[in-house]
Amino acid sequence: MHNVYYDPGSFGLEIVAELEYSSGCYEFDTRVVWKDKKHKEFFTMRDSGCSCPTPFEDYSLANLDKLDLTTLRKEVKEEVAKEHKNISPETAQDFIRKVELATKSNKPKAKKK
C-alpha cells in the first residue's frame, strides 16, 4: 500500500516542507505540506503517534486538508510558544518560508502591458 508521506509521487504530490514538533524520541508529531504537481494545489496534514505506527499510514489524498497559510502560521507560532517545545523559532521560520516561497512561485505572473 502506498503512503502519502513516504511515496508522495504515487499520489501526484511532492513534499514542499515538513516540520517535526516532537522530540523524535520514540514518537512523531509531523506537519507536512504537499504540492499537487498536476493541479498546482497545496495540501497539508499533521499526524502524530508513538514509534509503532508509520506516519501518515492511514492517509490518502482525500484525507489531506487544503493549505490555509494563515492557519498554518498560527499553529506554528503556538507550537513555538509552548513551554516544552521541541522546535526552535529558526526551524519554524524556515518551514514557513519554504511554504510561502512555494505558494508564491506557483501563482501566475501578471502580464506586462
N, C-alpha and C. Protein backbone atom coordinates (compact mmCIF):
# COMPACT_ATOMS: atom_id res chain seq x y z
N MET A 1 0.84 -1.19 0.00
CA MET A 1 0.00 0.00 0.00
C MET A 1 0.89 1.26 0.00
N HIS A 2 0.51 2.23 -0.80
CA HIS A 2 1.28 3.47 -0.89
C HIS A 2 0.98 4.37 0.30
N ASN A 3 1.98 5.14 0.67
CA ASN A 3 1.88 6.06 1.80
C ASN A 3 2.14 7.47 1.27
N VAL A 4 1.23 8.39 1.56
CA VAL A 4 1.31 9.76 1.06
C VAL A 4 2.58 10.48 1.53
N TYR A 5 3.14 10.04 2.63
CA TYR A 5 4.36 10.65 3.17
C TYR A 5 5.61 10.03 2.55
N TYR A 6 5.69 8.70 2.54
CA TYR A 6 6.88 8.02 2.05
C TYR A 6 6.89 7.84 0.54
N ASP A 7 5.72 7.94 -0.09
CA ASP A 7 5.63 7.76 -1.54
C ASP A 7 4.67 8.78 -2.14
N PRO A 8 4.96 10.09 -1.95
CA PRO A 8 4.03 11.12 -2.43
C PRO A 8 3.83 11.10 -3.95
N GLY A 9 4.84 10.65 -4.69
CA GLY A 9 4.74 10.60 -6.14
C GLY A 9 3.60 9.74 -6.64
N SER A 10 3.25 8.67 -5.91
CA SER A 10 2.13 7.81 -6.32
C SER A 10 0.80 8.54 -6.25
N PHE A 11 0.77 9.65 -5.53
CA PHE A 11 -0.45 10.44 -5.39
C PHE A 11 -0.38 11.72 -6.24
N GLY A 12 0.68 11.86 -7.02
CA GLY A 12 0.87 13.06 -7.83
C GLY A 12 1.32 14.26 -7.01
N LEU A 13 1.91 13.98 -5.85
CA LEU A 13 2.32 15.03 -4.93
C LEU A 13 3.83 15.09 -4.79
N GLU A 14 4.30 16.23 -4.30
CA GLU A 14 5.68 16.34 -3.86
C GLU A 14 5.67 17.10 -2.54
N ILE A 15 6.58 16.74 -1.65
CA ILE A 15 6.66 17.41 -0.35
C ILE A 15 7.35 18.75 -0.54
N VAL A 16 6.68 19.80 -0.06
CA VAL A 16 7.21 21.16 -0.11
C VAL A 16 8.04 21.43 1.14
N ALA A 17 7.48 21.06 2.30
CA ALA A 17 8.15 21.29 3.58
C ALA A 17 7.55 20.40 4.64
N GLU A 18 8.34 20.11 5.65
CA GLU A 18 7.83 19.35 6.79
C GLU A 18 8.47 19.88 8.06
N LEU A 19 7.72 19.74 9.14
CA LEU A 19 8.18 20.25 10.43
C LEU A 19 7.86 19.21 11.49
N GLU A 20 8.87 18.81 12.25
CA GLU A 20 8.71 17.83 13.31
C GLU A 20 8.57 18.57 14.64
N TYR A 21 7.41 18.43 15.26
CA TYR A 21 7.15 19.09 16.54
C TYR A 21 7.62 18.26 17.73
N SER A 22 7.75 16.96 17.57
CA SER A 22 8.09 16.10 18.71
C SER A 22 9.58 16.10 18.99
N SER A 23 9.94 15.43 20.07
CA SER A 23 11.35 15.28 20.41
C SER A 23 12.02 14.26 19.50
N GLY A 24 11.21 13.44 18.84
CA GLY A 24 11.75 12.41 17.96
C GLY A 24 12.18 11.16 18.70
N CYS A 25 12.00 11.15 20.00
CA CYS A 25 12.40 10.02 20.82
C CYS A 25 11.22 9.05 20.95
N TYR A 26 11.17 8.07 20.07
CA TYR A 26 10.11 7.06 20.05
C TYR A 26 8.72 7.68 19.83
N GLU A 27 8.68 8.80 19.13
CA GLU A 27 7.40 9.45 18.84
C GLU A 27 7.56 10.33 17.60
N PHE A 28 6.42 10.71 17.03
CA PHE A 28 6.44 11.67 15.94
C PHE A 28 5.23 12.58 16.06
N ASP A 29 5.38 13.79 15.60
CA ASP A 29 4.31 14.79 15.53
C ASP A 29 4.73 15.69 14.37
N THR A 30 4.31 15.30 13.19
CA THR A 30 4.83 15.88 11.96
C THR A 30 3.77 16.64 11.19
N ARG A 31 4.11 17.83 10.76
CA ARG A 31 3.27 18.65 9.88
C ARG A 31 3.95 18.65 8.52
N VAL A 32 3.19 18.32 7.47
CA VAL A 32 3.74 18.27 6.12
C VAL A 32 2.88 19.12 5.20
N VAL A 33 3.53 19.76 4.24
CA VAL A 33 2.83 20.48 3.17
C VAL A 33 3.26 19.84 1.86
N TRP A 34 2.26 19.47 1.05
CA TRP A 34 2.50 18.86 -0.26
C TRP A 34 1.98 19.78 -1.36
N LYS A 35 2.56 19.62 -2.53
CA LYS A 35 2.06 20.30 -3.72
C LYS A 35 1.55 19.25 -4.68
N ASP A 36 0.33 19.45 -5.17
CA ASP A 36 -0.23 18.60 -6.22
C ASP A 36 0.39 19.09 -7.52
N LYS A 37 1.26 18.30 -8.12
CA LYS A 37 2.03 18.73 -9.28
C LYS A 37 1.15 19.00 -10.51
N LYS A 38 0.08 18.28 -10.64
CA LYS A 38 -0.78 18.44 -11.82
C LYS A 38 -1.73 19.62 -11.69
N HIS A 39 -2.36 19.75 -10.54
CA HIS A 39 -3.38 20.77 -10.35
C HIS A 39 -2.85 22.03 -9.67
N LYS A 40 -1.57 22.01 -9.30
CA LYS A 40 -0.92 23.18 -8.68
C LYS A 40 -1.62 23.64 -7.41
N GLU A 41 -2.15 22.69 -6.66
CA GLU A 41 -2.78 22.99 -5.37
C GLU A 41 -1.84 22.54 -4.26
N PHE A 42 -2.08 23.08 -3.06
CA PHE A 42 -1.27 22.73 -1.90
C PHE A 42 -2.15 22.11 -0.83
N PHE A 43 -1.61 21.07 -0.19
CA PHE A 43 -2.32 20.35 0.86
C PHE A 43 -1.42 20.24 2.07
N THR A 44 -2.04 20.00 3.21
CA THR A 44 -1.28 19.82 4.44
C THR A 44 -1.99 18.83 5.34
N MET A 45 -1.22 18.26 6.26
CA MET A 45 -1.78 17.36 7.26
C MET A 45 -0.75 17.23 8.38
N ARG A 46 -1.28 16.97 9.55
CA ARG A 46 -0.43 16.72 10.72
C ARG A 46 -0.80 15.35 11.26
N ASP A 47 0.22 14.57 11.58
CA ASP A 47 -0.01 13.24 12.14
C ASP A 47 0.97 13.06 13.30
N SER A 48 0.53 12.32 14.30
CA SER A 48 1.38 12.09 15.46
C SER A 48 1.11 10.71 16.03
N GLY A 49 2.08 10.23 16.80
CA GLY A 49 1.92 8.94 17.45
C GLY A 49 3.23 8.47 18.05
N CYS A 50 3.18 7.26 18.58
CA CYS A 50 4.39 6.66 19.14
C CYS A 50 5.19 6.06 17.99
N SER A 51 6.22 5.34 18.30
CA SER A 51 7.08 4.80 17.25
C SER A 51 6.48 3.58 16.54
N CYS A 52 5.36 3.09 17.01
CA CYS A 52 4.77 1.88 16.42
C CYS A 52 4.12 2.11 15.05
N PRO A 53 3.20 3.07 14.92
CA PRO A 53 2.60 3.26 13.60
C PRO A 53 3.54 4.02 12.67
N THR A 54 3.27 3.90 11.39
CA THR A 54 4.03 4.64 10.39
C THR A 54 3.35 5.99 10.20
N PRO A 55 4.10 7.08 10.17
CA PRO A 55 3.47 8.38 9.97
C PRO A 55 2.64 8.41 8.68
N PHE A 56 1.43 8.92 8.80
CA PHE A 56 0.50 9.11 7.69
C PHE A 56 0.08 7.79 7.03
N GLU A 57 0.15 6.70 7.76
CA GLU A 57 -0.20 5.40 7.17
C GLU A 57 -1.67 5.28 6.80
N ASP A 58 -2.53 6.05 7.45
CA ASP A 58 -3.96 5.96 7.18
C ASP A 58 -4.48 7.11 6.32
N TYR A 59 -3.58 7.83 5.65
CA TYR A 59 -3.99 9.00 4.87
C TYR A 59 -3.82 8.77 3.38
N SER A 60 -4.76 9.35 2.64
CA SER A 60 -4.66 9.39 1.19
C SER A 60 -4.90 10.83 0.77
N LEU A 61 -4.89 11.09 -0.50
CA LEU A 61 -5.11 12.45 -0.99
C LEU A 61 -6.45 13.00 -0.50
N ALA A 62 -7.45 12.15 -0.40
CA ALA A 62 -8.79 12.58 0.04
C ALA A 62 -8.80 13.05 1.50
N ASN A 63 -7.84 12.59 2.31
CA ASN A 63 -7.80 12.96 3.72
C ASN A 63 -7.04 14.26 3.99
N LEU A 64 -6.28 14.73 3.02
CA LEU A 64 -5.45 15.91 3.24
C LEU A 64 -6.30 17.18 3.23
N ASP A 65 -5.86 18.16 4.00
CA ASP A 65 -6.54 19.46 4.06
C ASP A 65 -5.93 20.39 3.03
N LYS A 66 -6.77 21.23 2.42
CA LYS A 66 -6.24 22.28 1.55
C LYS A 66 -5.45 23.24 2.42
N LEU A 67 -4.35 23.71 1.93
CA LEU A 67 -3.47 24.59 2.69
C LEU A 67 -4.15 25.93 2.94
N ASP A 68 -4.16 26.33 4.21
CA ASP A 68 -4.60 27.65 4.63
C ASP A 68 -3.38 28.24 5.35
N LEU A 69 -2.67 29.12 4.67
CA LEU A 69 -1.41 29.64 5.18
C LEU A 69 -1.57 30.39 6.50
N THR A 70 -2.68 31.10 6.66
CA THR A 70 -2.93 31.84 7.90
C THR A 70 -3.06 30.88 9.08
N THR A 71 -3.81 29.81 8.88
CA THR A 71 -3.99 28.80 9.93
C THR A 71 -2.68 28.10 10.23
N LEU A 72 -1.91 27.80 9.20
CA LEU A 72 -0.61 27.14 9.39
C LEU A 72 0.34 28.03 10.19
N ARG A 73 0.42 29.29 9.84
CA ARG A 73 1.28 30.21 10.58
C ARG A 73 0.89 30.26 12.05
N LYS A 74 -0.42 30.29 12.32
CA LYS A 74 -0.92 30.35 13.70
C LYS A 74 -0.51 29.10 14.47
N GLU A 75 -0.68 27.93 13.87
CA GLU A 75 -0.29 26.68 14.52
C GLU A 75 1.19 26.67 14.86
N VAL A 76 2.02 27.03 13.90
CA VAL A 76 3.47 27.02 14.11
C VAL A 76 3.86 28.00 15.22
N LYS A 77 3.26 29.17 15.20
CA LYS A 77 3.54 30.17 16.24
C LYS A 77 3.17 29.64 17.62
N GLU A 78 2.02 28.98 17.73
CA GLU A 78 1.58 28.41 19.00
C GLU A 78 2.51 27.30 19.47
N GLU A 79 2.98 26.47 18.56
CA GLU A 79 3.90 25.39 18.92
C GLU A 79 5.24 25.95 19.42
N VAL A 80 5.73 26.99 18.77
CA VAL A 80 7.00 27.60 19.19
C VAL A 80 6.86 28.23 20.57
N ALA A 81 5.67 28.74 20.88
CA ALA A 81 5.44 29.43 22.16
C ALA A 81 5.25 28.47 23.34
N LYS A 82 5.03 27.19 23.07
CA LYS A 82 4.80 26.23 24.16
C LYS A 82 6.02 26.13 25.06
N GLU A 83 5.74 25.92 26.33
CA GLU A 83 6.82 25.82 27.32
C GLU A 83 7.76 24.67 27.03
N HIS A 84 7.20 23.52 26.66
CA HIS A 84 8.02 22.32 26.40
C HIS A 84 8.14 22.08 24.90
N LYS A 85 8.54 23.09 24.17
CA LYS A 85 8.64 22.99 22.72
C LYS A 85 9.88 22.19 22.30
N ASN A 86 9.77 21.59 21.15
CA ASN A 86 10.88 20.81 20.62
C ASN A 86 11.43 21.41 19.33
N ILE A 87 10.92 22.58 18.94
CA ILE A 87 11.42 23.23 17.73
C ILE A 87 11.89 24.64 18.06
N SER A 88 12.87 25.06 17.34
CA SER A 88 13.38 26.42 17.54
C SER A 88 12.60 27.39 16.68
N PRO A 89 12.60 28.65 17.05
CA PRO A 89 11.95 29.66 16.20
C PRO A 89 12.56 29.69 14.79
N GLU A 90 13.86 29.44 14.69
CA GLU A 90 14.52 29.45 13.38
C GLU A 90 14.04 28.30 12.50
N THR A 91 13.88 27.11 13.08
CA THR A 91 13.38 25.96 12.34
C THR A 91 11.96 26.21 11.86
N ALA A 92 11.14 26.78 12.75
CA ALA A 92 9.75 27.09 12.40
C ALA A 92 9.70 28.13 11.29
N GLN A 93 10.55 29.13 11.39
CA GLN A 93 10.59 30.20 10.39
C GLN A 93 11.03 29.65 9.02
N ASP A 94 11.99 28.74 9.02
CA ASP A 94 12.45 28.12 7.77
C ASP A 94 11.32 27.33 7.11
N PHE A 95 10.55 26.62 7.93
CA PHE A 95 9.41 25.84 7.42
C PHE A 95 8.40 26.77 6.74
N ILE A 96 8.00 27.83 7.43
CA ILE A 96 7.03 28.78 6.88
C ILE A 96 7.58 29.43 5.61
N ARG A 97 8.85 29.78 5.63
CA ARG A 97 9.48 30.42 4.46
C ARG A 97 9.42 29.49 3.24
N LYS A 98 9.70 28.21 3.42
CA LYS A 98 9.64 27.25 2.32
C LYS A 98 8.23 27.18 1.73
N VAL A 99 7.24 27.15 2.62
CA VAL A 99 5.85 27.07 2.17
C VAL A 99 5.46 28.34 1.43
N GLU A 100 5.82 29.49 1.98
CA GLU A 100 5.49 30.77 1.34
C GLU A 100 6.15 30.87 -0.04
N LEU A 101 7.41 30.50 -0.15
CA LEU A 101 8.10 30.56 -1.44
C LEU A 101 7.45 29.64 -2.47
N ALA A 102 7.07 28.46 -2.04
CA ALA A 102 6.44 27.51 -2.96
C ALA A 102 5.08 28.02 -3.45
N THR A 103 4.30 28.59 -2.53
CA THR A 103 2.98 29.07 -2.93
C THR A 103 3.09 30.33 -3.78
N LYS A 104 4.05 31.18 -3.50
CA LYS A 104 4.24 32.40 -4.30
C LYS A 104 4.74 32.06 -5.70
N SER A 105 5.65 31.13 -5.80
CA SER A 105 6.20 30.78 -7.11
C SER A 105 5.18 30.04 -7.96
N ASN A 106 4.10 29.61 -7.35
CA ASN A 106 3.06 28.87 -8.06
C ASN A 106 2.00 29.79 -8.67
N LYS A 107 1.97 31.06 -8.25
CA LYS A 107 0.96 31.98 -8.75
C LYS A 107 1.34 32.43 -10.16
N PRO A 108 0.31 32.58 -11.03
CA PRO A 108 0.61 33.06 -12.38
C PRO A 108 1.17 34.47 -12.35
N LYS A 109 2.12 34.74 -13.23
CA LYS A 109 2.73 36.06 -13.28
C LYS A 109 1.82 37.02 -14.04
N ALA A 110 1.80 38.27 -13.58
CA ALA A 110 0.98 39.29 -14.24
C ALA A 110 1.59 39.61 -15.60
N LYS A 111 0.70 39.83 -16.56
CA LYS A 111 1.16 40.17 -17.91
C LYS A 111 1.54 41.64 -17.97
N LYS A 112 2.63 41.91 -18.67
CA LYS A 112 3.07 43.29 -18.84
C LYS A 112 2.29 43.92 -19.98
N LYS A 113 2.00 45.19 -19.82
CA LYS A 113 1.26 45.90 -20.89
C LYS A 113 2.20 46.70 -21.74
